[in-house]
All heavy atoms as atom14 arrays in JSON, in Angstrom:
{
  "sequence": "SGYVVAAPAYPFTKKDGPKFDKTDVPNQAVDASFVITQMM",
  "atom14_mask": [
    [1, 1, 1, 1, 1, 1, 0, 0, 0, 0, 0, 0, 0, 0],
    [1, 1, 1, 1, 0, 0, 0, 0, 0, 0, 0, 0, 0, 0],
    [1, 1, 1, 1, 1, 1, 1, 1, 1, 1, 1, 1, 0, 0],
    [1, 1, 1, 1, 1, 1, 1, 0, 0, 0, 0, 0, 0, 0],
    [1, 1, 1, 1, 1, 1, 1, 0, 0, 0, 0, 0, 0, 0],
    [1, 1, 1, 1, 1, 0, 0, 0, 0, 0, 0, 0, 0, 0],
    [1, 1, 1, 1, 1, 0, 0, 0, 0, 0, 0, 0, 0, 0],
    [1, 1, 1, 1, 1, 1, 1, 0, 0, 0, 0, 0, 0, 0],
    [1, 1, 1, 1, 1, 0, 0, 0, 0, 0, 0, 0, 0, 0],
    [1, 1, 1, 1, 1, 1, 1, 1, 1, 1, 1, 1, 0, 0],
    [1, 1, 1, 1, 1, 1, 1, 0, 0, 0, 0, 0, 0, 0],
    [1, 1, 1, 1, 1, 1, 1, 1, 1, 1, 1, 0, 0, 0],
    [1, 1, 1, 1, 1, 1, 1, 0, 0, 0, 0, 0, 0, 0],
    [1, 1, 1, 1, 1, 1, 1, 1, 1, 0, 0, 0, 0, 0],
    [1, 1, 1, 1, 1, 1, 1, 1, 1, 0, 0, 0, 0, 0],
    [1, 1, 1, 1, 1, 1, 1, 1, 0, 0, 0, 0, 0, 0],
    [1, 1, 1, 1, 0, 0, 0, 0, 0, 0, 0, 0, 0, 0],
    [1, 1, 1, 1, 1, 1, 1, 0, 0, 0, 0, 0, 0, 0],
    [1, 1, 1, 1, 1, 1, 1, 1, 1, 0, 0, 0, 0, 0],
    [1, 1, 1, 1, 1, 1, 1, 1, 1, 1, 1, 0, 0, 0],
    [1, 1, 1, 1, 1, 1, 1, 1, 0, 0, 0, 0, 0, 0],
    [1, 1, 1, 1, 1, 1, 1, 1, 1, 0, 0, 0, 0, 0],
    [1, 1, 1, 1, 1, 1, 1, 0, 0, 0, 0, 0, 0, 0],
    [1, 1, 1, 1, 1, 1, 1, 1, 0, 0, 0, 0, 0, 0],
    [1, 1, 1, 1, 1, 1, 1, 0, 0, 0, 0, 0, 0, 0],
    [1, 1, 1, 1, 1, 1, 1, 0, 0, 0, 0, 0, 0, 0],
    [1, 1, 1, 1, 1, 1, 1, 1, 0, 0, 0, 0, 0, 0],
    [1, 1, 1, 1, 1, 1, 1, 1, 1, 0, 0, 0, 0, 0],
    [1, 1, 1, 1, 1, 0, 0, 0, 0, 0, 0, 0, 0, 0],
    [1, 1, 1, 1, 1, 1, 1, 0, 0, 0, 0, 0, 0, 0],
    [1, 1, 1, 1, 1, 1, 1, 1, 0, 0, 0, 0, 0, 0],
    [1, 1, 1, 1, 1, 0, 0, 0, 0, 0, 0, 0, 0, 0],
    [1, 1, 1, 1, 1, 1, 0, 0, 0, 0, 0, 0, 0, 0],
    [1, 1, 1, 1, 1, 1, 1, 1, 1, 1, 1, 0, 0, 0],
    [1, 1, 1, 1, 1, 1, 1, 0, 0, 0, 0, 0, 0, 0],
    [1, 1, 1, 1, 1, 1, 1, 1, 0, 0, 0, 0, 0, 0],
    [1, 1, 1, 1, 1, 1, 1, 0, 0, 0, 0, 0, 0, 0],
    [1, 1, 1, 1, 1, 1, 1, 1, 1, 0, 0, 0, 0, 0],
    [1, 1, 1, 1, 1, 1, 1, 1, 0, 0, 0, 0, 0, 0],
    [1, 1, 1, 1, 1, 1, 1, 1, 0, 0, 0, 0, 0, 0]
  ],
  "atom14_positions": [
    [[-3.3, -15.74, 14.7], [-2.28, -16.52, 15.39], [-2.28, -16.29, 16.9], [-1.42, -16.84, 17.6], [-0.9, -16.17, 14.82], [-0.88, -16.33, 13.42], [0.0, 0.0, 0.0], [0.0, 0.0, 0.0], [0.0, 0.0, 0.0], [0.0, 0.0, 0.0], [0.0, 0.0, 0.0], [0.0, 0.0, 0.0], [0.0, 0.0, 0.0], [0.0, 0.0, 0.0]],
    [[-3.2, -15.47, 17.41], [-3.32, -15.29, 18.85], [-2.73, -14.02, 19.4], [-2.36, -13.96, 20.57], [0.0, 0.0, 0.0], [0.0, 0.0, 0.0], [0.0, 0.0, 0.0], [0.0, 0.0, 0.0], [0.0, 0.0, 0.0], [0.0, 0.0, 0.0], [0.0, 0.0, 0.0], [0.0, 0.0, 0.0], [0.0, 0.0, 0.0], [0.0, 0.0, 0.0]],
    [[-2.67, -12.97, 18.59], [-2.14, -11.68, 19.03], [-3.19, -10.59, 18.85], [-3.98, -10.62, 17.91], [-0.88, -11.31, 18.23], [0.29, -12.2, 18.55], [0.47, -13.41, 17.87], [1.2, -11.86, 19.54], [1.54, -14.25, 18.18], [2.27, -12.69, 19.85], [2.43, -13.88, 19.17], [3.48, -14.72, 19.48], [0.0, 0.0, 0.0], [0.0, 0.0, 0.0]],
    [[-3.16, -9.61, 19.76], [-3.92, -8.38, 19.57], [-2.98, -7.42, 18.86], [-1.85, -7.2, 19.29], [-4.37, -7.78, 20.91], [-5.07, -6.44, 20.7], [-5.29, -8.75, 21.65], [0.0, 0.0, 0.0], [0.0, 0.0, 0.0], [0.0, 0.0, 0.0], [0.0, 0.0, 0.0], [0.0, 0.0, 0.0], [0.0, 0.0, 0.0], [0.0, 0.0, 0.0]],
    [[-3.42, -6.86, 17.74], [-2.56, -6.0, 16.93], [-3.19, -4.62, 16.8], [-4.28, -4.48, 16.23], [-2.34, -6.6, 15.53], [-1.35, -5.74, 14.74], [-1.83, -8.03, 15.63], [0.0, 0.0, 0.0], [0.0, 0.0, 0.0], [0.0, 0.0, 0.0], [0.0, 0.0, 0.0], [0.0, 0.0, 0.0], [0.0, 0.0, 0.0], [0.0, 0.0, 0.0]],
    [[-2.52, -3.6, 17.33], [-2.99, -2.22, 17.25], [-2.14, -1.47, 16.25], [-0.91, -1.45, 16.35], [-2.9, -1.56, 18.62], [0.0, 0.0, 0.0], [0.0, 0.0, 0.0], [0.0, 0.0, 0.0], [0.0, 0.0, 0.0], [0.0, 0.0, 0.0], [0.0, 0.0, 0.0], [0.0, 0.0, 0.0], [0.0, 0.0, 0.0], [0.0, 0.0, 0.0]],
    [[-2.79, -0.84, 15.25], [-2.07, -0.17, 14.17], [-2.58, 1.26, 14.0], [-3.64, 1.48, 13.41], [-2.23, -0.96, 12.87], [0.0, 0.0, 0.0], [0.0, 0.0, 0.0], [0.0, 0.0, 0.0], [0.0, 0.0, 0.0], [0.0, 0.0, 0.0], [0.0, 0.0, 0.0], [0.0, 0.0, 0.0], [0.0, 0.0, 0.0], [0.0, 0.0, 0.0]],
    [[-1.84, 2.25, 14.5], [-2.24, 3.64, 14.31], [-1.89, 4.14, 12.91], [-0.95, 3.64, 12.28], [-1.44, 4.38, 15.37], [-0.22, 3.55, 15.58], [-0.65, 2.12, 15.35], [0.0, 0.0, 0.0], [0.0, 0.0, 0.0], [0.0, 0.0, 0.0], [0.0, 0.0, 0.0], [0.0, 0.0, 0.0], [0.0, 0.0, 0.0], [0.0, 0.0, 0.0]],
    [[-2.64, 5.12, 12.43], [-2.3, 5.83, 11.2], [-1.62, 7.12, 11.62], [-2.21, 7.97, 12.29], [-3.55, 6.12, 10.38], [0.0, 0.0, 0.0], [0.0, 0.0, 0.0], [0.0, 0.0, 0.0], [0.0, 0.0, 0.0], [0.0, 0.0, 0.0], [0.0, 0.0, 0.0], [0.0, 0.0, 0.0], [0.0, 0.0, 0.0], [0.0, 0.0, 0.0]],
    [[-0.35, 7.27, 11.25], [0.43, 8.42, 11.7], [0.1, 9.67, 10.88], [-0.07, 9.59, 9.65], [1.92, 8.09, 11.62], [2.32, 6.97, 12.56], [2.81, 5.75, 12.06], [2.2, 7.12, 13.94], [3.18, 4.73, 12.92], [2.57, 6.1, 14.8], [3.06, 4.9, 14.29], [3.41, 3.89, 15.15], [0.0, 0.0, 0.0], [0.0, 0.0, 0.0]],
    [[0.0, 10.82, 11.53], [-0.55, 12.01, 10.88], [0.22, 12.55, 9.69], [-0.39, 13.09, 8.75], [-0.6, 13.05, 12.01], [0.34, 12.56, 13.06], [0.32, 11.07, 12.96], [0.0, 0.0, 0.0], [0.0, 0.0, 0.0], [0.0, 0.0, 0.0], [0.0, 0.0, 0.0], [0.0, 0.0, 0.0], [0.0, 0.0, 0.0], [0.0, 0.0, 0.0]],
    [[1.55, 12.4, 9.66], [2.33, 13.04, 8.61], [3.02, 12.07, 7.65], [3.79, 12.51, 6.79], [3.36, 13.98, 9.23], [2.74, 15.11, 10.0], [2.83, 15.14, 11.39], [2.02, 16.11, 9.37], [2.24, 16.16, 12.12], [1.43, 17.14, 10.08], [1.55, 17.17, 11.46], [0.0, 0.0, 0.0], [0.0, 0.0, 0.0], [0.0, 0.0, 0.0]],
    [[2.75, 10.78, 7.78], [3.33, 9.83, 6.83], [2.29, 8.88, 6.25], [2.61, 8.05, 5.4], [4.46, 8.98, 7.47], [3.93, 8.19, 8.53], [5.58, 9.88, 8.0], [0.0, 0.0, 0.0], [0.0, 0.0, 0.0], [0.0, 0.0, 0.0], [0.0, 0.0, 0.0], [0.0, 0.0, 0.0], [0.0, 0.0, 0.0], [0.0, 0.0, 0.0]],
    [[1.04, 8.98, 6.66], [0.01, 8.07, 6.17], [-0.4, 8.41, 4.75], [-0.18, 9.53, 4.25], [-1.21, 8.11, 7.09], [-1.94, 9.44, 7.09], [-3.09, 9.43, 8.08], [-3.8, 10.79, 8.12], [-4.88, 10.8, 9.13], [0.0, 0.0, 0.0], [0.0, 0.0, 0.0], [0.0, 0.0, 0.0], [0.0, 0.0, 0.0], [0.0, 0.0, 0.0]],
    [[-1.0, 7.45, 4.09], [-1.52, 7.64, 2.74], [-2.64, 8.68, 2.75], [-3.51, 8.66, 3.63], [-2.05, 6.31, 2.19], [-2.62, 6.37, 0.79], [-3.09, 4.99, 0.35], [-3.84, 5.03, -0.97], [-3.01, 5.54, -2.07], [0.0, 0.0, 0.0], [0.0, 0.0, 0.0], [0.0, 0.0, 0.0], [0.0, 0.0, 0.0], [0.0, 0.0, 0.0]],
    [[-2.61, 9.58, 1.79], [-3.64, 10.6, 1.61], [-3.74, 11.56, 2.79], [-4.78, 12.18, 3.01], [-5.02, 9.95, 1.38], [-5.05, 9.1, 0.12], [-4.35, 9.46, -0.85], [-5.75, 8.07, 0.12], [0.0, 0.0, 0.0], [0.0, 0.0, 0.0], [0.0, 0.0, 0.0], [0.0, 0.0, 0.0], [0.0, 0.0, 0.0], [0.0, 0.0, 0.0]],
    [[-2.65, 11.68, 3.55], [-2.64, 12.68, 4.61], [-2.53, 14.08, 4.04], [-2.08, 14.28, 2.91], [0.0, 0.0, 0.0], [0.0, 0.0, 0.0], [0.0, 0.0, 0.0], [0.0, 0.0, 0.0], [0.0, 0.0, 0.0], [0.0, 0.0, 0.0], [0.0, 0.0, 0.0], [0.0, 0.0, 0.0], [0.0, 0.0, 0.0], [0.0, 0.0, 0.0]],
    [[-2.92, 15.1, 4.81], [-2.89, 16.47, 4.3], [-1.48, 17.02, 4.08], [-1.28, 17.93, 3.29], [-3.61, 17.26, 5.4], [-3.44, 16.44, 6.63], [-3.46, 15.02, 6.17], [0.0, 0.0, 0.0], [0.0, 0.0, 0.0], [0.0, 0.0, 0.0], [0.0, 0.0, 0.0], [0.0, 0.0, 0.0], [0.0, 0.0, 0.0], [0.0, 0.0, 0.0]],
    [[-0.51, 16.46, 4.79], [0.87, 16.92, 4.68], [1.81, 15.77, 4.97], [1.59, 15.03, 5.93], [1.12, 18.07, 5.67], [2.53, 18.62, 5.65], [2.71, 19.7, 6.71], [4.13, 20.23, 6.73], [4.33, 21.25, 7.78], [0.0, 0.0, 0.0], [0.0, 0.0, 0.0], [0.0, 0.0, 0.0], [0.0, 0.0, 0.0], [0.0, 0.0, 0.0]],
    [[2.84, 15.62, 4.14], [3.81, 14.55, 4.36], [5.09, 15.14, 4.94], [5.6, 16.15, 4.46], [4.13, 13.82, 3.06], [5.2, 12.77, 3.21], [4.91, 11.55, 3.79], [6.5, 13.01, 2.78], [5.9, 10.58, 3.95], [7.5, 12.06, 2.92], [7.18, 10.84, 3.51], [0.0, 0.0, 0.0], [0.0, 0.0, 0.0], [0.0, 0.0, 0.0]],
    [[5.63, 14.48, 5.98], [6.85, 14.94, 6.61], [7.64, 13.73, 7.1], [7.34, 13.16, 8.15], [6.55, 15.87, 7.77], [7.8, 16.41, 8.44], [8.91, 16.14, 7.95], [7.66, 17.11, 9.48], [0.0, 0.0, 0.0], [0.0, 0.0, 0.0], [0.0, 0.0, 0.0], [0.0, 0.0, 0.0], [0.0, 0.0, 0.0], [0.0, 0.0, 0.0]],
    [[8.65, 13.33, 6.34], [9.42, 12.15, 6.7], [10.24, 12.35, 7.96], [10.66, 11.38, 8.6], [10.33, 11.72, 5.55], [11.44, 12.7, 5.22], [12.28, 12.18, 4.06], [13.43, 13.14, 3.74], [14.24, 12.66, 2.6], [0.0, 0.0, 0.0], [0.0, 0.0, 0.0], [0.0, 0.0, 0.0], [0.0, 0.0, 0.0], [0.0, 0.0, 0.0]],
    [[10.48, 13.6, 8.35], [11.26, 13.86, 9.57], [10.44, 13.65, 10.84], [10.97, 13.77, 11.94], [11.81, 15.29, 9.56], [10.74, 16.23, 9.67], [12.59, 15.56, 8.29], [0.0, 0.0, 0.0], [0.0, 0.0, 0.0], [0.0, 0.0, 0.0], [0.0, 0.0, 0.0], [0.0, 0.0, 0.0], [0.0, 0.0, 0.0], [0.0, 0.0, 0.0]],
    [[9.16, 13.33, 10.69], [8.28, 13.16, 11.85], [8.42, 11.79, 12.5], [7.78, 11.51, 13.51], [6.82, 13.39, 11.42], [5.87, 13.54, 12.59], [6.12, 14.39, 13.46], [4.89, 12.76, 12.65], [0.0, 0.0, 0.0], [0.0, 0.0, 0.0], [0.0, 0.0, 0.0], [0.0, 0.0, 0.0], [0.0, 0.0, 0.0], [0.0, 0.0, 0.0]],
    [[9.23, 10.9, 11.92], [9.32, 9.52, 12.4], [9.64, 9.41, 13.9], [9.0, 8.59, 14.59], [10.32, 8.72, 11.54], [10.62, 7.36, 12.17], [9.75, 8.51, 10.15], [0.0, 0.0, 0.0], [0.0, 0.0, 0.0], [0.0, 0.0, 0.0], [0.0, 0.0, 0.0], [0.0, 0.0, 0.0], [0.0, 0.0, 0.0], [0.0, 0.0, 0.0]],
    [[10.57, 10.17, 14.47], [10.8, 10.05, 15.91], [9.55, 10.34, 16.74], [9.31, 9.7, 17.77], [11.9, 11.07, 16.18], [12.63, 11.19, 14.88], [11.57, 11.07, 13.83], [0.0, 0.0, 0.0], [0.0, 0.0, 0.0], [0.0, 0.0, 0.0], [0.0, 0.0, 0.0], [0.0, 0.0, 0.0], [0.0, 0.0, 0.0], [0.0, 0.0, 0.0]],
    [[8.72, 11.29, 16.26], [7.47, 11.57, 16.96], [6.5, 10.4, 16.86], [5.69, 10.17, 17.76], [6.82, 12.83, 16.39], [7.61, 14.08, 16.68], [8.19, 14.22, 17.75], [7.66, 14.99, 15.72], [0.0, 0.0, 0.0], [0.0, 0.0, 0.0], [0.0, 0.0, 0.0], [0.0, 0.0, 0.0], [0.0, 0.0, 0.0], [0.0, 0.0, 0.0]],
    [[6.58, 9.65, 15.76], [5.71, 8.48, 15.61], [6.0, 7.44, 16.68], [5.09, 6.73, 17.12], [5.89, 7.87, 14.21], [5.41, 8.76, 13.09], [5.51, 8.12, 11.73], [5.01, 8.67, 10.75], [6.14, 6.96, 11.61], [0.0, 0.0, 0.0], [0.0, 0.0, 0.0], [0.0, 0.0, 0.0], [0.0, 0.0, 0.0], [0.0, 0.0, 0.0]],
    [[7.26, 7.32, 17.08], [7.6, 6.37, 18.14], [6.91, 6.76, 19.44], [6.43, 5.9, 20.18], [9.12, 6.3, 18.32], [0.0, 0.0, 0.0], [0.0, 0.0, 0.0], [0.0, 0.0, 0.0], [0.0, 0.0, 0.0], [0.0, 0.0, 0.0], [0.0, 0.0, 0.0], [0.0, 0.0, 0.0], [0.0, 0.0, 0.0], [0.0, 0.0, 0.0]],
    [[6.85, 8.05, 19.73], [6.13, 8.51, 20.92], [4.64, 8.23, 20.77], [3.96, 7.83, 21.72], [6.39, 10.01, 21.16], [5.68, 10.49, 22.43], [7.89, 10.29, 21.27], [0.0, 0.0, 0.0], [0.0, 0.0, 0.0], [0.0, 0.0, 0.0], [0.0, 0.0, 0.0], [0.0, 0.0, 0.0], [0.0, 0.0, 0.0], [0.0, 0.0, 0.0]],
    [[4.12, 8.44, 19.54], [2.72, 8.09, 19.27], [2.46, 6.61, 19.54], [1.43, 6.23, 20.12], [2.38, 8.36, 17.8], [2.39, 9.84, 17.43], [2.23, 10.68, 18.33], [2.53, 10.13, 16.22], [0.0, 0.0, 0.0], [0.0, 0.0, 0.0], [0.0, 0.0, 0.0], [0.0, 0.0, 0.0], [0.0, 0.0, 0.0], [0.0, 0.0, 0.0]],
    [[3.39, 5.76, 19.1], [3.23, 4.32, 19.28], [3.11, 3.96, 20.75], [2.24, 3.17, 21.15], [4.4, 3.58, 18.63], [0.0, 0.0, 0.0], [0.0, 0.0, 0.0], [0.0, 0.0, 0.0], [0.0, 0.0, 0.0], [0.0, 0.0, 0.0], [0.0, 0.0, 0.0], [0.0, 0.0, 0.0], [0.0, 0.0, 0.0], [0.0, 0.0, 0.0]],
    [[3.98, 4.52, 21.58], [3.92, 4.26, 23.02], [2.6, 4.75, 23.6], [2.01, 4.11, 24.47], [5.1, 4.93, 23.72], [6.31, 4.31, 23.39], [0.0, 0.0, 0.0], [0.0, 0.0, 0.0], [0.0, 0.0, 0.0], [0.0, 0.0, 0.0], [0.0, 0.0, 0.0], [0.0, 0.0, 0.0], [0.0, 0.0, 0.0], [0.0, 0.0, 0.0]],
    [[2.14, 5.89, 23.11], [0.86, 6.45, 23.58], [-0.29, 5.51, 23.26], [-1.17, 5.27, 24.1], [0.65, 7.81, 22.92], [-0.69, 8.43, 23.21], [-0.93, 9.09, 24.4], [-1.72, 8.36, 22.27], [-2.17, 9.66, 24.67], [-2.96, 8.93, 22.52], [-3.19, 9.59, 23.72], [0.0, 0.0, 0.0], [0.0, 0.0, 0.0], [0.0, 0.0, 0.0]],
    [[-0.28, 4.96, 22.04], [-1.36, 4.04, 21.65], [-1.34, 2.79, 22.52], [-2.4, 2.28, 22.93], [-1.25, 3.7, 20.15], [-2.17, 2.54, 19.78], [-1.58, 4.93, 19.31], [0.0, 0.0, 0.0], [0.0, 0.0, 0.0], [0.0, 0.0, 0.0], [0.0, 0.0, 0.0], [0.0, 0.0, 0.0], [0.0, 0.0, 0.0], [0.0, 0.0, 0.0]],
    [[-0.16, 2.27, 22.82], [-0.06, 1.11, 23.71], [-0.72, 1.42, 25.05], [-1.5, 0.62, 25.59], [1.41, 0.7, 23.91], [1.98, 0.13, 22.61], [1.54, -0.33, 25.04], [3.47, -0.13, 22.65], [0.0, 0.0, 0.0], [0.0, 0.0, 0.0], [0.0, 0.0, 0.0], [0.0, 0.0, 0.0], [0.0, 0.0, 0.0], [0.0, 0.0, 0.0]],
    [[-0.43, 2.6, 25.6], [-1.02, 3.01, 26.88], [-2.53, 3.1, 26.77], [-3.25, 2.63, 27.66], [-0.44, 4.37, 27.31], [0.98, 4.24, 27.49], [-1.08, 4.85, 28.61], [0.0, 0.0, 0.0], [0.0, 0.0, 0.0], [0.0, 0.0, 0.0], [0.0, 0.0, 0.0], [0.0, 0.0, 0.0], [0.0, 0.0, 0.0], [0.0, 0.0, 0.0]],
    [[-3.02, 3.67, 25.69], [-4.48, 3.81, 25.51], [-5.15, 2.44, 25.38], [-6.27, 2.25, 25.86], [-4.78, 4.66, 24.28], [-4.3, 6.1, 24.38], [-4.87, 6.82, 25.6], [-6.08, 6.9, 25.78], [-3.98, 7.32, 26.44], [0.0, 0.0, 0.0], [0.0, 0.0, 0.0], [0.0, 0.0, 0.0], [0.0, 0.0, 0.0], [0.0, 0.0, 0.0]],
    [[-4.49, 1.5, 24.75], [-5.07, 0.17, 24.58], [-5.23, -0.54, 25.91], [-6.16, -1.35, 26.09], [-4.2, -0.67, 23.64], [-4.28, -0.27, 22.18], [-5.96, -0.39, 21.5], [-6.35, -2.1, 21.82], [0.0, 0.0, 0.0], [0.0, 0.0, 0.0], [0.0, 0.0, 0.0], [0.0, 0.0, 0.0], [0.0, 0.0, 0.0], [0.0, 0.0, 0.0]],
    [[-4.35, -0.28, 26.86], [-4.41, -0.97, 28.14], [-5.12, -0.15, 29.22], [-5.24, -0.59, 30.36], [-2.99, -1.31, 28.61], [-2.27, -2.26, 27.66], [-0.72, -2.89, 28.36], [0.24, -1.39, 28.49], [0.0, 0.0, 0.0], [0.0, 0.0, 0.0], [0.0, 0.0, 0.0], [0.0, 0.0, 0.0], [0.0, 0.0, 0.0], [0.0, 0.0, 0.0]]
  ]
}
C-alpha cells in the first residue's frame, strides 16, 4: 500500500526467545525508537 514497515523482534517477548519477561514492554518502546533512528 506504499509504506516502509520496520518490525523488530524484541529480546524478551519474541517467540522462541531464551527468556520471557512481560515487564520488559516499556524497554521495547525505547527499542522501537532506536530502530526508527537506525532506519533513517
